[in-house]
């Protein structure tokens, strides 16, 4: 496993930080959507 302190500077240097941000947020929203649909996470609660 590579720590964020190692890979983030490389990603920034190569102009890929926005791609990483989009990937992370897409995964987060997908995960939350599944949890809400399964009734596991009460967003309003």
N, C-alpha and C. Protein backbone atom coordinates (compact mmCIF):
# COMPACT_ATOMS: atom_id res chain seq x y z
N UNK A 1 0.84 -1.16 0.00
CA UNK A 1 0.00 0.00 0.00
C UNK A 1 0.89 1.24 0.00
N UNK A 2 0.47 2.22 -0.75
CA UNK A 2 1.22 3.48 -0.84
C UNK A 2 0.46 4.54 -0.05
N UNK A 3 1.17 5.26 0.78
CA UNK A 3 0.52 6.28 1.60
C UNK A 3 0.17 7.51 0.75
N UNK A 4 -0.86 8.26 1.16
CA UNK A 4 -1.23 9.47 0.44
C UNK A 4 -0.07 10.46 0.32
N UNK A 5 0.79 10.50 1.34
CA UNK A 5 1.94 11.39 1.30
C UNK A 5 2.89 11.08 0.17
N UNK A 6 2.86 9.84 -0.30
CA UNK A 6 3.71 9.44 -1.42
C UNK A 6 3.03 9.63 -2.77
N UNK A 7 1.76 9.22 -2.87
CA UNK A 7 1.15 9.23 -4.19
C UNK A 7 0.51 10.57 -4.57
N UNK A 8 0.05 11.35 -3.61
CA UNK A 8 -0.60 12.62 -3.97
C UNK A 8 0.37 13.58 -4.67
N UNK A 9 1.60 13.76 -4.19
CA UNK A 9 2.52 14.63 -4.93
C UNK A 9 2.77 14.16 -6.37
N UNK A 10 2.83 12.85 -6.57
CA UNK A 10 3.04 12.31 -7.92
C UNK A 10 1.83 12.60 -8.80
N UNK A 11 0.65 12.38 -8.23
CA UNK A 11 -0.59 12.63 -8.97
C UNK A 11 -0.70 14.12 -9.33
N UNK A 12 -0.40 14.98 -8.37
CA UNK A 12 -0.44 16.43 -8.63
C UNK A 12 0.57 16.82 -9.71
N UNK A 13 1.77 16.29 -9.61
CA UNK A 13 2.84 16.61 -10.57
C UNK A 13 2.45 16.22 -11.99
N UNK A 14 1.70 15.13 -12.11
CA UNK A 14 1.30 14.63 -13.43
C UNK A 14 -0.06 15.15 -13.88
N UNK A 15 -0.62 16.10 -13.13
CA UNK A 15 -1.88 16.72 -13.53
C UNK A 15 -3.10 15.82 -13.44
N UNK A 16 -3.05 14.84 -12.54
CA UNK A 16 -4.14 13.87 -12.45
C UNK A 16 -4.98 14.02 -11.19
N UNK A 17 -4.76 15.06 -10.40
CA UNK A 17 -5.45 15.18 -9.12
C UNK A 17 -6.96 15.31 -9.31
N UNK A 18 -7.40 16.01 -10.35
CA UNK A 18 -8.85 16.14 -10.58
C UNK A 18 -9.44 14.78 -10.93
N UNK A 19 -8.73 13.98 -11.70
CA UNK A 19 -9.21 12.63 -12.02
C UNK A 19 -9.35 11.79 -10.76
N UNK A 20 -8.40 11.91 -9.86
CA UNK A 20 -8.47 11.16 -8.60
C UNK A 20 -9.64 11.66 -7.77
N UNK A 21 -9.83 12.97 -7.71
CA UNK A 21 -10.97 13.54 -6.98
C UNK A 21 -12.29 13.00 -7.52
N UNK A 22 -12.44 13.03 -8.83
CA UNK A 22 -13.68 12.55 -9.45
C UNK A 22 -13.89 11.07 -9.14
N UNK A 23 -12.83 10.28 -9.22
CA UNK A 23 -12.93 8.86 -8.91
C UNK A 23 -13.39 8.64 -7.47
N UNK A 24 -12.77 9.35 -6.54
CA UNK A 24 -13.10 9.18 -5.12
C UNK A 24 -14.54 9.58 -4.86
N UNK A 25 -14.96 10.76 -5.34
CA UNK A 25 -16.33 11.21 -5.09
C UNK A 25 -17.35 10.29 -5.75
N UNK A 26 -17.04 9.77 -6.94
CA UNK A 26 -17.94 8.83 -7.60
C UNK A 26 -18.12 7.58 -6.75
N UNK A 27 -17.03 7.08 -6.20
CA UNK A 27 -17.10 5.89 -5.34
C UNK A 27 -17.88 6.17 -4.06
N UNK A 28 -17.66 7.34 -3.46
CA UNK A 28 -18.36 7.71 -2.23
C UNK A 28 -19.86 7.78 -2.47
N UNK A 29 -20.27 8.50 -3.51
CA UNK A 29 -21.70 8.65 -3.78
C UNK A 29 -22.35 7.32 -4.16
N UNK A 30 -21.64 6.49 -4.88
CA UNK A 30 -22.15 5.17 -5.22
C UNK A 30 -22.34 4.33 -3.97
N UNK A 31 -21.36 4.35 -3.09
CA UNK A 31 -21.44 3.60 -1.83
C UNK A 31 -22.62 4.08 -0.99
N UNK A 32 -22.74 5.41 -0.84
CA UNK A 32 -23.84 5.95 -0.04
C UNK A 32 -25.19 5.63 -0.67
N UNK A 33 -25.28 5.71 -1.98
CA UNK A 33 -26.53 5.37 -2.67
C UNK A 33 -26.95 3.94 -2.41
N UNK A 34 -25.99 3.02 -2.46
CA UNK A 34 -26.30 1.61 -2.17
C UNK A 34 -26.75 1.44 -0.73
N UNK A 35 -26.05 2.08 0.18
CA UNK A 35 -26.41 1.96 1.60
C UNK A 35 -27.80 2.51 1.87
N UNK A 36 -28.13 3.64 1.27
CA UNK A 36 -29.46 4.23 1.45
C UNK A 36 -30.52 3.31 0.85
N UNK A 37 -30.27 2.79 -0.36
CA UNK A 37 -31.22 1.90 -1.02
C UNK A 37 -31.45 0.63 -0.22
N UNK A 38 -30.43 0.16 0.47
CA UNK A 38 -30.55 -1.06 1.28
C UNK A 38 -31.12 -0.78 2.66
N UNK A 39 -31.36 0.49 2.96
CA UNK A 39 -31.91 0.86 4.26
C UNK A 39 -30.89 0.78 5.39
N UNK A 40 -29.63 0.73 5.05
CA UNK A 40 -28.57 0.60 6.05
C UNK A 40 -28.16 1.96 6.60
N UNK A 41 -28.32 2.98 5.80
CA UNK A 41 -27.87 4.31 6.20
C UNK A 41 -29.04 5.28 6.07
N UNK A 42 -29.42 5.89 7.17
CA UNK A 42 -30.50 6.86 7.16
C UNK A 42 -29.90 8.25 7.02
N UNK A 43 -29.92 8.77 5.81
CA UNK A 43 -29.29 10.05 5.51
C UNK A 43 -29.90 11.19 6.31
N UNK A 44 -31.17 11.10 6.64
CA UNK A 44 -31.85 12.18 7.34
C UNK A 44 -31.80 12.02 8.85
N UNK A 45 -31.21 10.96 9.32
CA UNK A 45 -31.31 10.58 10.68
C UNK A 45 -30.53 11.10 11.73
